[in-house]
Structure formats: C-alpha cells, structure tokens
Amino acid sequence: MEAVISKIQATSRASVKINDAYYTVEYSEERLIPAVEDIVIADERRQLWDTVNNEVDEQVADLINTFKK
C-alpha cells in the first residue's frame, strides 16, 4: 500500500543587509492536497515553492523600498 500525501508545507526565508543592519523576512504556507488520482505531487510542490519564494521576494523588495524613502 502506497502512502498518500494529504498536505505539504514550504517555508522560504531571506536575509538582506541594508546599511549596517541585517533584516530577515520569512513566509510559510501549508496546503491540503485533495485525495484525487490526477494530482501530481511534484507540480503541487513546485507551485507551493513558487508561491512562498515569490512572497519572500516581495517582502524583501518592500523592505528595500522602505529604506529608500
């Protein structure tokens, strides 16, 4: 009997140095995976990684823009 994945979770984190200080941003998300046969777990993982990494990229950009003002 094969194990069934029912949820996946990913966390992304980045640190940036602005002037003389370091700032860390992080985002985590968990997704429930429906128990249907046409779900491709590799695709679900890739989409989740894209989501969390994009969110962290946006947080970093916002942080940098805050210090430019």
N, C-alpha and C. Protein backbone atom coordinates (compact mmCIF):
# COMPACT_ATOMS: atom_id res chain seq x y z
N MET A 1 0.85 -1.19 0.00
CA MET A 1 0.00 0.00 0.00
C MET A 1 0.89 1.24 0.00
N GLU A 2 0.62 2.15 -0.90
CA GLU A 2 1.41 3.37 -1.05
C GLU A 2 0.87 4.47 -0.14
N ALA A 3 1.78 5.25 0.45
CA ALA A 3 1.38 6.36 1.32
C ALA A 3 0.72 7.45 0.48
N VAL A 4 -0.27 8.11 1.06
CA VAL A 4 -0.98 9.19 0.38
C VAL A 4 -0.61 10.50 1.06
N ILE A 5 -0.12 11.44 0.27
CA ILE A 5 0.22 12.74 0.81
C ILE A 5 -1.06 13.56 0.92
N SER A 6 -1.32 14.06 2.13
CA SER A 6 -2.55 14.81 2.34
C SER A 6 -2.29 16.30 2.52
N LYS A 7 -1.04 16.68 2.84
CA LYS A 7 -0.72 18.09 2.92
C LYS A 7 0.77 18.28 2.71
N ILE A 8 1.12 19.46 2.22
CA ILE A 8 2.51 19.83 2.04
C ILE A 8 2.72 21.21 2.63
N GLN A 9 3.95 21.49 3.03
CA GLN A 9 4.26 22.78 3.62
C GLN A 9 5.62 23.23 3.12
N ALA A 10 5.76 24.53 2.90
CA ALA A 10 7.05 25.08 2.49
C ALA A 10 7.26 26.40 3.23
N THR A 11 8.53 26.67 3.52
CA THR A 11 8.92 27.91 4.17
C THR A 11 10.09 28.49 3.40
N SER A 12 10.04 29.78 3.17
CA SER A 12 11.13 30.47 2.50
C SER A 12 11.57 31.62 3.40
N ARG A 13 12.88 31.88 3.39
CA ARG A 13 13.43 32.93 4.24
C ARG A 13 14.59 33.58 3.50
N ALA A 14 14.74 34.87 3.71
CA ALA A 14 15.87 35.59 3.12
C ALA A 14 16.33 36.66 4.08
N SER A 15 17.63 36.89 4.09
CA SER A 15 18.21 37.98 4.88
C SER A 15 18.87 38.95 3.94
N VAL A 16 18.70 40.23 4.24
CA VAL A 16 19.33 41.27 3.43
C VAL A 16 20.02 42.27 4.36
N LYS A 17 21.13 42.80 3.87
CA LYS A 17 21.84 43.83 4.63
C LYS A 17 21.49 45.17 4.03
N ILE A 18 20.97 46.04 4.87
CA ILE A 18 20.64 47.40 4.45
C ILE A 18 21.40 48.33 5.38
N ASN A 19 22.26 49.14 4.80
CA ASN A 19 23.17 49.97 5.58
C ASN A 19 24.02 49.06 6.47
N ASP A 20 23.94 49.21 7.77
CA ASP A 20 24.75 48.39 8.67
C ASP A 20 23.93 47.33 9.41
N ALA A 21 22.69 47.10 8.99
CA ALA A 21 21.82 46.17 9.70
C ALA A 21 21.36 45.05 8.77
N TYR A 22 21.13 43.91 9.37
CA TYR A 22 20.58 42.77 8.63
C TYR A 22 19.10 42.60 8.98
N TYR A 23 18.30 42.29 7.98
CA TYR A 23 16.87 42.07 8.17
C TYR A 23 16.52 40.72 7.55
N THR A 24 15.68 39.98 8.25
CA THR A 24 15.26 38.68 7.76
C THR A 24 13.75 38.68 7.59
N VAL A 25 13.31 38.18 6.44
CA VAL A 25 11.87 38.01 6.19
C VAL A 25 11.61 36.54 5.93
N GLU A 26 10.41 36.12 6.24
CA GLU A 26 10.07 34.71 6.12
C GLU A 26 8.59 34.57 5.79
N TYR A 27 8.29 33.51 5.04
CA TYR A 27 6.89 33.19 4.74
C TYR A 27 6.75 31.68 4.70
N SER A 28 5.67 31.19 5.28
CA SER A 28 5.39 29.75 5.30
C SER A 28 3.94 29.54 4.91
N GLU A 29 3.71 28.46 4.19
CA GLU A 29 2.35 28.13 3.78
C GLU A 29 2.18 26.62 3.76
N GLU A 30 1.00 26.19 4.15
CA GLU A 30 0.67 24.77 4.13
C GLU A 30 -0.54 24.59 3.22
N ARG A 31 -0.53 23.55 2.43
CA ARG A 31 -1.65 23.27 1.53
C ARG A 31 -2.15 21.85 1.74
N LEU A 32 -3.46 21.73 1.76
CA LEU A 32 -4.07 20.41 1.82
C LEU A 32 -4.18 19.88 0.40
N ILE A 33 -3.86 18.63 0.23
CA ILE A 33 -3.89 18.00 -1.09
C ILE A 33 -5.11 17.09 -1.15
N PRO A 34 -6.01 17.35 -2.09
CA PRO A 34 -7.20 16.50 -2.19
C PRO A 34 -6.82 15.08 -2.63
N ALA A 35 -7.57 14.13 -2.17
CA ALA A 35 -7.30 12.72 -2.48
C ALA A 35 -7.94 12.35 -3.82
N VAL A 36 -7.39 12.88 -4.89
CA VAL A 36 -7.85 12.52 -6.23
C VAL A 36 -6.66 11.99 -7.01
N GLU A 37 -6.90 11.13 -7.93
CA GLU A 37 -5.82 10.42 -8.62
C GLU A 37 -5.04 11.27 -9.61
N ASP A 38 -5.61 12.35 -10.12
CA ASP A 38 -4.91 13.12 -11.14
C ASP A 38 -4.00 14.22 -10.58
N ILE A 39 -3.82 14.25 -9.27
CA ILE A 39 -2.91 15.23 -8.64
C ILE A 39 -1.47 14.76 -8.84
N VAL A 40 -0.63 15.67 -9.33
CA VAL A 40 0.80 15.39 -9.49
C VAL A 40 1.51 16.14 -8.37
N ILE A 41 1.99 15.39 -7.38
CA ILE A 41 2.60 16.00 -6.20
C ILE A 41 3.78 16.89 -6.57
N ALA A 42 4.59 16.49 -7.53
CA ALA A 42 5.74 17.32 -7.93
C ALA A 42 5.26 18.69 -8.42
N ASP A 43 4.16 18.73 -9.15
CA ASP A 43 3.61 20.01 -9.61
C ASP A 43 3.09 20.84 -8.45
N GLU A 44 2.42 20.18 -7.51
CA GLU A 44 1.90 20.88 -6.33
C GLU A 44 3.05 21.48 -5.52
N ARG A 45 4.12 20.71 -5.34
CA ARG A 45 5.29 21.22 -4.60
C ARG A 45 5.91 22.41 -5.31
N ARG A 46 6.08 22.31 -6.61
CA ARG A 46 6.68 23.39 -7.40
C ARG A 46 5.85 24.67 -7.28
N GLN A 47 4.54 24.53 -7.37
CA GLN A 47 3.66 25.69 -7.24
C GLN A 47 3.76 26.30 -5.84
N LEU A 48 3.83 25.45 -4.83
CA LEU A 48 3.95 25.95 -3.46
C LEU A 48 5.28 26.67 -3.26
N TRP A 49 6.38 26.08 -3.76
CA TRP A 49 7.69 26.74 -3.66
C TRP A 49 7.66 28.08 -4.38
N ASP A 50 7.06 28.13 -5.55
CA ASP A 50 6.97 29.40 -6.28
C ASP A 50 6.21 30.44 -5.46
N THR A 51 5.14 30.02 -4.82
CA THR A 51 4.33 30.93 -4.02
C THR A 51 5.12 31.50 -2.84
N VAL A 52 5.75 30.62 -2.06
CA VAL A 52 6.46 31.11 -0.87
C VAL A 52 7.70 31.92 -1.25
N ASN A 53 8.41 31.51 -2.29
CA ASN A 53 9.59 32.27 -2.71
C ASN A 53 9.19 33.64 -3.26
N ASN A 54 8.11 33.71 -4.03
CA ASN A 54 7.64 34.99 -4.55
C ASN A 54 7.21 35.92 -3.42
N GLU A 55 6.57 35.37 -2.41
CA GLU A 55 6.14 36.18 -1.27
C GLU A 55 7.35 36.78 -0.55
N VAL A 56 8.39 35.98 -0.35
CA VAL A 56 9.60 36.49 0.31
C VAL A 56 10.28 37.53 -0.58
N ASP A 57 10.32 37.29 -1.87
CA ASP A 57 10.90 38.29 -2.79
C ASP A 57 10.17 39.62 -2.68
N GLU A 58 8.85 39.58 -2.59
CA GLU A 58 8.05 40.80 -2.45
C GLU A 58 8.33 41.48 -1.11
N GLN A 59 8.47 40.70 -0.04
CA GLN A 59 8.78 41.27 1.27
C GLN A 59 10.14 41.96 1.24
N VAL A 60 11.12 41.34 0.61
CA VAL A 60 12.45 41.94 0.50
C VAL A 60 12.37 43.24 -0.29
N ALA A 61 11.66 43.24 -1.41
CA ALA A 61 11.52 44.44 -2.23
C ALA A 61 10.84 45.56 -1.43
N ASP A 62 9.80 45.21 -0.67
CA ASP A 62 9.12 46.21 0.16
C ASP A 62 10.06 46.79 1.22
N LEU A 63 10.85 45.92 1.83
CA LEU A 63 11.79 46.36 2.85
C LEU A 63 12.83 47.30 2.26
N ILE A 64 13.38 46.94 1.12
CA ILE A 64 14.37 47.79 0.46
C ILE A 64 13.76 49.14 0.08
N ASN A 65 12.54 49.11 -0.46
CA ASN A 65 11.87 50.36 -0.83
C ASN A 65 11.58 51.24 0.38
N THR A 66 11.31 50.64 1.52
CA THR A 66 11.06 51.41 2.74
C THR A 66 12.29 52.23 3.11
N PHE A 67 13.47 51.67 2.94
CA PHE A 67 14.68 52.37 3.32
C PHE A 67 15.15 53.36 2.25
N LYS A 68 14.60 53.28 1.05
CA LYS A 68 14.94 54.23 0.01
C LYS A 68 14.22 55.55 0.18
N LYS A 69 13.12 55.54 0.91
CA LYS A 69 12.28 56.75 1.07
C LYS A 69 12.93 57.75 1.99
